[in-house]
């Protein structure tokens, strides 16, 4: 009976390191900071298991550029969500600079498989995640398998994962405070996604923070939930405009949803901003060209993508580093345009 060939994964498991580290040791990859203790553990595991690198595979591995994956957990809008597109643009610049390859992998919210399985299936060296949550059990599997990961969501400080994000709650609070400063008191919100999404729940919390600070009662009657699309924003806005007493301002959880809200207002013959002000979140390319131009939170999507790739490449170049996970919060600001003004008298 033929014995199963010992693999690099077997060596990695016995040595207690990542497969990337085994590859660095086997190929004597230059510029990789592998400690002598780690190197000796890998060599000892190779000897104990009788591992012999396949020379052809070794030459291919040495020539192969490292590959990183972008996993997005709302697959329906990966190529139409302006935030995702701008994030990918930033990543593209960074992967070219660092000479790595990028694979984009949309994942349905109903996916129940394992991130580790996807990483192995796509032969990835590391991954970047969008729209995951701290409660996602698959994150712990990645940590256990020592697969380098960067999240573009705030997962808190208990997971050993690098994170690049913005203060969604604080930024949402600021733009609602801006509306309050204009004199608005009846302010509605259309979230850009279900509150199960981290960013959506944080922006809703920021909306509530601003109302509470101004002693304005929070009302569920003024909150609607969209699903990333213009159509969902359109439908939610029509629903708000059917209320017996109209809101004087609407905070849309992202600009795409705000576009739908602007269209719904025109269809209902409600003038923006004279009768109702509308603000968004993201500062997409089209926001300044809307009619009226959209006041919105400017989100550094491209910078988030570029920074995420750079952090991931750092981990890949030093896979056994004990460096603490980084939590980088990038700044936002409000782009004031013409879609918001004082409430009607």
Protein backbone atom coordinates (compact mmCIF):
# COMPACT_ATOMS: atom_id res chain seq x y z
CA UNK A 1 0.00 0.00 0.00
CA UNK A 2 1.41 3.38 -1.00
CA UNK A 3 2.08 5.76 1.90
CA UNK A 4 0.65 9.24 1.83
CA UNK A 5 3.31 11.79 0.93
CA UNK A 6 4.28 14.09 3.79
CA UNK A 7 3.22 17.65 2.98
CA UNK A 8 4.41 21.08 4.03
CA UNK A 9 1.16 21.39 5.99
CA UNK A 10 2.17 18.31 8.03
CA UNK A 11 5.53 19.92 8.79
CA UNK A 12 3.83 23.18 9.75
CA UNK A 13 1.49 21.40 12.15
CA UNK A 14 4.29 19.45 13.83
CA UNK A 15 6.53 22.53 14.14
CA UNK A 16 3.68 24.74 15.33
CA UNK A 17 4.17 27.34 12.61
CA UNK A 18 2.33 28.50 9.49
CA UNK A 19 2.76 26.89 6.10
CA UNK A 20 4.19 30.20 4.91
CA UNK A 21 6.98 29.88 7.48
CA UNK A 22 7.76 26.34 6.30
CA UNK A 23 7.98 27.66 2.74
CA UNK A 24 10.35 30.44 3.83
CA UNK A 25 12.63 27.95 5.59
CA UNK A 26 12.57 25.35 2.80
CA UNK A 27 13.28 27.94 0.13
CA UNK A 28 15.66 29.96 2.29
CA UNK A 29 13.67 33.02 1.20
CA UNK A 30 15.76 36.19 1.54
CA UNK A 31 14.57 39.13 3.60
CA UNK A 32 12.30 37.10 5.88
CA UNK A 33 12.88 37.51 9.59
CA UNK A 34 12.68 33.89 10.73
CA UNK A 35 14.20 33.32 14.16
CA UNK A 36 16.85 30.62 14.50
CA UNK A 37 14.69 28.76 17.03
CA UNK A 38 11.79 28.67 14.54
CA UNK A 39 14.07 27.60 11.71
CA UNK A 40 15.46 24.72 13.78
CA UNK A 41 11.94 23.58 14.77
CA UNK A 42 10.93 23.43 11.12
CA UNK A 43 14.10 21.57 10.13
CA UNK A 44 13.62 19.09 13.00
CA UNK A 45 9.99 18.49 11.98
CA UNK A 46 11.09 17.90 8.38
CA UNK A 47 13.62 15.34 9.53
CA UNK A 48 11.23 13.57 11.94
CA UNK A 49 8.52 13.29 9.27
CA UNK A 50 10.91 12.43 6.47
CA UNK A 51 9.75 15.42 4.47
CA UNK A 52 11.53 15.98 1.17
CA UNK A 53 10.52 19.07 -0.78
CA UNK A 54 9.48 18.42 -4.35
CA UNK A 55 12.16 20.23 -6.35
CA UNK A 56 9.81 21.23 -9.15
CA UNK A 57 7.23 22.50 -6.68
CA UNK A 58 9.98 24.31 -4.80
CA UNK A 59 11.08 26.15 -7.96
CA UNK A 60 7.46 27.07 -8.69
CA UNK A 61 6.98 28.30 -5.12
CA UNK A 62 10.11 30.42 -5.28
CA UNK A 63 8.88 32.02 -8.50
CA UNK A 64 5.29 32.50 -7.30
CA UNK A 65 4.16 35.87 -6.11
CA UNK A 66 2.33 35.84 -2.80
CA UNK A 67 -1.44 35.91 -3.17
CA UNK A 68 -3.89 37.64 -0.85
CA UNK A 69 -7.65 37.39 -0.91
CA UNK A 70 -10.38 39.96 -0.32
CA UNK A 71 -13.47 38.28 1.15
CA UNK A 72 -16.63 40.41 1.09
CA UNK A 73 -19.66 39.25 3.05
CA UNK A 74 -22.45 40.74 0.97
CA UNK A 75 -21.76 39.27 -2.42
CA UNK A 76 -24.73 40.74 -4.26
CA UNK A 77 -23.29 44.26 -4.30
CA UNK A 78 -19.52 43.67 -4.45
CA UNK A 79 -19.14 45.33 -7.85
CA UNK A 80 -21.83 47.99 -7.45
CA UNK A 81 -21.16 49.16 -3.87
CA UNK A 82 -19.06 52.29 -4.37
CA UNK A 83 -17.25 51.82 -1.04
CA UNK A 84 -16.10 48.34 -2.10
CA UNK A 85 -15.00 49.58 -5.52
CA UNK A 86 -12.95 52.42 -4.00
CA UNK A 87 -11.45 50.05 -1.44
CA UNK A 88 -10.39 47.69 -4.22
CA UNK A 89 -8.82 50.62 -6.08
CA UNK A 90 -6.67 51.36 -3.03
CA UNK A 91 -5.77 47.69 -2.71
CA UNK A 92 -4.80 47.50 -6.39
CA UNK A 93 -2.26 50.27 -5.97
CA UNK A 94 -0.81 48.57 -2.88
CA UNK A 95 -0.59 45.04 -4.35
CA UNK A 96 1.30 46.44 -7.33
CA UNK A 97 3.66 48.30 -5.03
CA UNK A 98 4.29 45.22 -2.86
CA UNK A 99 4.31 42.79 -5.81
CA UNK A 100 1.56 40.51 -4.52
CA UNK A 101 -1.55 39.24 -6.26
CA UNK A 102 -5.14 39.98 -5.19
CA UNK A 103 -8.10 37.60 -5.50
CA UNK A 104 -11.59 38.96 -4.83
CA UNK A 105 -13.96 36.44 -3.30
CA UNK A 106 -17.60 37.46 -2.75
CA UNK A 107 -19.25 35.45 0.03
CA UNK A 108 -22.97 35.20 0.63
CA UNK A 109 -24.25 36.11 4.07
CA UNK A 110 -25.74 32.61 4.19
CA UNK A 111 -22.35 30.95 3.71
CA UNK A 112 -21.75 28.51 6.57
CA UNK A 113 -18.38 27.13 5.50
CA UNK A 114 -14.99 27.87 6.94
CA UNK A 115 -12.65 30.72 5.98
CA UNK A 116 -9.72 28.33 6.32
CA UNK A 117 -11.26 26.05 3.69
CA UNK A 118 -11.58 29.01 1.31
CA UNK A 119 -7.98 30.07 1.95
CA UNK A 120 -6.72 26.59 1.15
CA UNK A 121 -9.00 26.24 -1.84
CA UNK A 122 -7.67 29.47 -3.35
CA UNK A 123 -4.07 28.79 -2.22
CA UNK A 124 -3.87 32.15 -0.45
CA UNK A 125 -1.12 33.46 1.79
CA UNK A 126 -3.40 35.83 3.71
CA UNK A 127 -6.81 37.50 3.57
CA UNK A 128 -8.61 40.80 4.05
CA UNK A 129 -12.21 40.72 5.33
CA UNK A 130 -15.06 43.17 4.81
CA UNK A 131 -18.39 42.99 6.65
CA UNK A 132 -17.45 40.33 9.15
CA UNK A 133 -18.28 40.44 12.86
CA UNK A 134 -16.40 39.68 16.05
CA UNK A 135 -18.84 36.84 16.73
CA UNK A 136 -17.90 35.08 13.47
CA UNK A 137 -16.53 31.70 14.59
CA UNK A 138 -14.46 31.45 11.41
CA UNK A 139 -12.13 34.18 12.69
CA UNK A 140 -10.83 31.97 15.50
CA UNK A 141 -10.09 29.21 12.98
CA UNK A 142 -7.93 31.64 11.01
CA UNK A 143 -6.07 32.64 14.15
CA UNK A 144 -5.55 29.01 15.16
CA UNK A 145 -4.18 28.17 11.70
CA UNK A 146 -1.89 31.23 11.87
CA UNK A 147 -3.26 32.65 8.63
CA UNK A 148 -2.51 36.38 8.38
CA UNK A 149 -5.76 38.39 8.44
CA UNK A 150 -6.74 42.06 8.25
CA UNK A 151 -10.32 43.17 8.92
CA UNK A 152 -11.82 46.36 7.52
CA UNK A 153 -14.36 46.34 10.34
CA UNK A 154 -13.93 47.20 14.00
CA UNK A 155 -13.91 43.80 15.73
CA UNK A 156 -12.85 45.07 19.14
CA UNK A 157 -9.56 44.51 20.92
CA UNK A 158 -9.94 40.85 21.97
CA UNK A 159 -9.18 39.17 18.63
CA UNK A 160 -5.58 38.70 17.48
CA UNK A 161 -6.34 40.24 14.07
CA UNK A 162 -5.07 43.44 12.46
CA UNK A 163 -7.90 45.91 11.84
CA UNK A 164 -8.24 49.04 9.70
CA UNK A 165 -11.47 50.98 10.13
CA UNK A 166 -13.15 54.31 10.74
CA UNK A 167 -15.11 55.44 13.76
CA UNK A 168 -18.52 54.80 12.19
CA UNK A 169 -20.37 55.67 15.37
CA UNK A 170 -18.52 58.92 15.95
CA UNK A 171 -18.78 60.00 12.31
CA UNK A 172 -22.52 59.28 12.19
CA UNK A 173 -22.98 61.25 15.38
CA UNK A 174 -21.12 64.22 13.86
CA UNK A 175 -23.24 64.44 10.72
CA UNK A 176 -26.48 64.17 12.71
CA UNK A 177 -25.14 66.88 15.03
CA UNK A 178 -24.58 68.95 11.88
CA UNK A 179 -28.27 68.56 11.02
CA UNK A 180 -29.24 69.46 14.56
CA UNK A 181 -27.03 72.54 14.31
CA UNK A 182 -29.02 73.59 11.24
CA UNK A 183 -32.14 73.53 13.42
CA UNK A 184 -33.58 70.08 12.61
CA UNK A 185 -35.38 68.19 15.35
CA UNK A 186 -37.42 65.64 13.40
CA UNK A 187 -34.58 63.64 11.84
CA UNK A 188 -35.11 60.22 10.26
CA UNK A 189 -32.52 57.58 9.43
CA UNK A 190 -32.31 54.99 6.66
CA UNK A 191 -29.61 52.48 7.56
CA UNK A 192 -27.59 51.17 4.61
CA UNK A 193 -27.91 47.56 5.80
CA UNK A 194 -29.45 45.39 8.44
CA UNK A 195 -28.13 46.14 11.96
CA UNK A 196 -26.42 42.73 11.97
CA UNK A 197 -23.68 44.43 9.93
CA UNK A 198 -21.12 46.06 12.23
CA UNK A 199 -20.91 49.38 10.37
CA UNK A 200 -24.69 49.66 10.09
CA UNK A 201 -25.28 49.13 13.80
CA UNK A 202 -22.49 51.57 14.67
CA UNK A 203 -23.95 54.32 12.44
CA UNK A 204 -27.39 53.75 13.93
CA UNK A 205 -25.85 54.05 17.40
CA UNK A 206 -24.17 57.32 16.38
CA UNK A 207 -27.51 58.67 15.16
CA UNK A 208 -29.04 57.85 18.53
CA UNK A 209 -26.07 59.40 20.38
CA UNK A 210 -26.57 62.73 18.62
CA UNK A 211 -30.30 62.77 19.33
CA UNK A 212 -29.74 61.93 22.99
CA UNK A 213 -27.09 64.63 23.39
CA UNK A 214 -29.58 67.18 22.00
CA UNK A 215 -32.46 65.87 24.17
CA UNK A 216 -34.37 64.75 21.07
CA UNK A 217 -36.42 61.59 21.71
CA UNK A 218 -35.47 58.58 19.59
CA UNK A 219 -38.40 57.13 17.64
CA UNK A 220 -38.47 53.79 15.79
CA UNK A 221 -41.12 55.36 13.55
CA UNK A 222 -38.37 57.45 11.97
CA UNK A 223 -35.96 54.56 11.23
CA UNK A 224 -36.00 52.42 8.10
CA UNK A 225 -33.61 49.62 7.05
CA UNK A 226 -32.16 49.39 3.54
CA UNK A 227 -29.97 46.68 1.99
CA UNK A 228 -27.03 48.46 0.30
CA UNK A 229 -28.97 49.34 -2.87
CA UNK A 230 -30.42 52.51 -4.39
CA UNK A 231 -33.77 50.74 -4.72
CA UNK A 232 -33.93 49.94 -1.02
CA UNK A 233 -33.13 53.57 -0.20
CA UNK A 234 -35.78 54.71 -2.63
CA UNK A 235 -38.43 52.47 -1.09
CA UNK A 236 -37.49 53.42 2.46
CA UNK A 237 -37.67 57.12 1.63
CA UNK A 238 -41.11 56.76 0.05
CA UNK A 239 -42.22 55.07 3.25
CA UNK A 240 -40.91 57.96 5.35
CA UNK A 241 -42.57 60.49 3.04
CA UNK A 242 -45.91 58.74 3.58
CA UNK A 243 -45.86 59.54 7.31
CA UNK A 244 -48.58 61.96 8.49
CA UNK A 245 -45.83 64.28 9.72
CA UNK A 246 -42.77 64.39 7.48
CA UNK A 247 -39.22 64.39 8.83
CA UNK A 248 -37.37 67.61 8.06
CA UNK A 249 -34.09 65.74 7.52
CA UNK A 250 -33.00 62.22 6.61
CA UNK A 251 -29.62 60.63 7.37
CA UNK A 252 -28.91 57.83 4.88
CA UNK A 253 -26.42 55.22 6.11
CA UNK A 254 -24.45 55.38 2.87
CA UNK A 255 -24.45 57.46 -0.30
CA UNK A 256 -25.96 54.74 -2.49
CA UNK A 257 -29.01 54.63 -0.22
CA UNK A 258 -29.06 58.45 -0.25
CA UNK A 259 -29.23 58.41 -4.08
CA UNK A 260 -32.38 56.33 -3.86
CA UNK A 261 -33.78 58.72 -1.25
CA UNK A 262 -33.15 61.71 -3.53
CA UNK A 263 -34.96 60.00 -6.42
CA UNK A 264 -37.91 59.11 -4.18
CA UNK A 265 -38.15 62.75 -3.07
CA UNK A 266 -38.31 63.94 -6.68
CA UNK A 267 -40.99 61.37 -7.50
CA UNK A 268 -43.01 62.50 -4.48
CA UNK A 269 -42.49 66.14 -5.52
CA UNK A 270 -40.76 66.89 -2.22
CA UNK A 271 -38.01 69.45 -2.72
CA UNK A 272 -34.51 68.74 -1.34
CA UNK A 273 -33.31 70.58 0.68
CA UNK A 274 -36.14 73.15 0.88
CA UNK A 275 -38.68 70.70 2.31
CA UNK A 276 -36.44 67.89 3.54
CA UNK A 277 -32.66 67.74 3.92
CA UNK A 278 -30.80 64.56 2.96
CA UNK A 279 -27.27 63.57 4.01
CA UNK A 280 -25.22 60.44 3.38
CA UNK A 281 -22.11 58.56 4.40
CA UNK A 282 -19.09 57.56 2.22
CA UNK A 283 -18.54 60.53 -0.16
CA UNK A 284 -18.72 58.41 -3.29
CA UNK A 285 -17.58 59.78 -6.64
CA UNK A 286 -21.10 60.66 -7.73
CA UNK A 287 -22.11 62.47 -4.54
CA UNK A 288 -20.84 65.86 -5.64
CA UNK A 289 -22.63 65.49 -8.98
CA UNK A 290 -26.06 64.69 -7.58
CA UNK A 291 -28.84 67.25 -7.84
CA UNK A 292 -28.56 68.66 -5.28
CA UNK A 293 -24.95 67.79 -4.45
CA UNK A 294 -24.92 65.48 -1.44
CA UNK A 295 -23.66 66.49 1.98
CA UNK A 296 -21.98 63.38 3.36
CA UNK A 297 -19.33 61.87 5.60
CA UNK A 298 -16.09 61.49 3.63
CA UNK A 299 -14.80 57.96 4.19
CA UNK A 300 -11.17 57.12 3.19
CA UNK A 301 -12.09 53.88 1.40
CA UNK A 302 -9.06 53.84 -0.90
CA UNK A 303 -6.73 54.52 2.02
CA UNK A 304 -8.34 51.74 4.03
CA UNK A 305 -7.72 49.29 1.19
CA UNK A 306 -4.12 50.36 0.68
CA UNK A 307 -3.36 50.27 4.41
CA UNK A 308 -4.94 46.83 4.80
CA UNK A 309 -2.71 45.37 2.09
CA UNK A 310 0.40 46.95 3.62
CA UNK A 311 -0.41 45.50 7.06
CA UNK A 312 -1.01 42.08 5.55
CA UNK A 313 2.27 42.16 3.62
CA UNK A 314 4.09 43.05 6.86
CA UNK A 315 2.62 39.95 8.51
CA UNK A 316 3.54 37.79 5.54
CA UNK A 317 7.14 39.02 5.58
CA UNK A 318 7.47 38.24 9.30
CA UNK A 319 4.97 35.41 9.96
CA UNK A 320 6.25 34.45 13.40
CA UNK A 321 6.36 37.96 14.80
CA UNK A 322 4.85 38.35 18.25
CA UNK A 323 3.92 41.94 17.39
CA UNK A 324 0.54 42.84 18.85
CA UNK A 325 -2.38 43.17 16.42
CA UNK A 326 -2.74 46.69 15.08
CA UNK A 327 -6.02 48.65 15.29
CA UNK A 328 -5.73 51.61 12.93
CA UNK A 329 -8.56 54.16 12.93
CA UNK A 330 -8.49 56.38 9.83
CA UNK A 331 -9.99 59.89 9.96
CA UNK A 332 -13.28 61.05 8.43
CA UNK A 333 -14.77 64.48 7.84
CA UNK A 334 -18.04 66.00 6.62
CA UNK A 335 -18.19 67.19 3.00
CA UNK A 336 -20.74 70.01 3.16
CA UNK A 337 -22.64 70.55 -0.07
CA UNK A 338 -26.18 71.66 -0.94
CA UNK A 339 -28.50 68.78 0.03
CA UNK A 340 -28.96 70.01 3.61
CA UNK A 341 -30.10 73.35 4.92
CA UNK A 342 -32.25 74.82 7.68
CA UNK A 343 -35.67 73.18 8.20
CA UNK A 344 -38.71 74.81 6.59
CA UNK A 345 -40.47 77.34 8.77
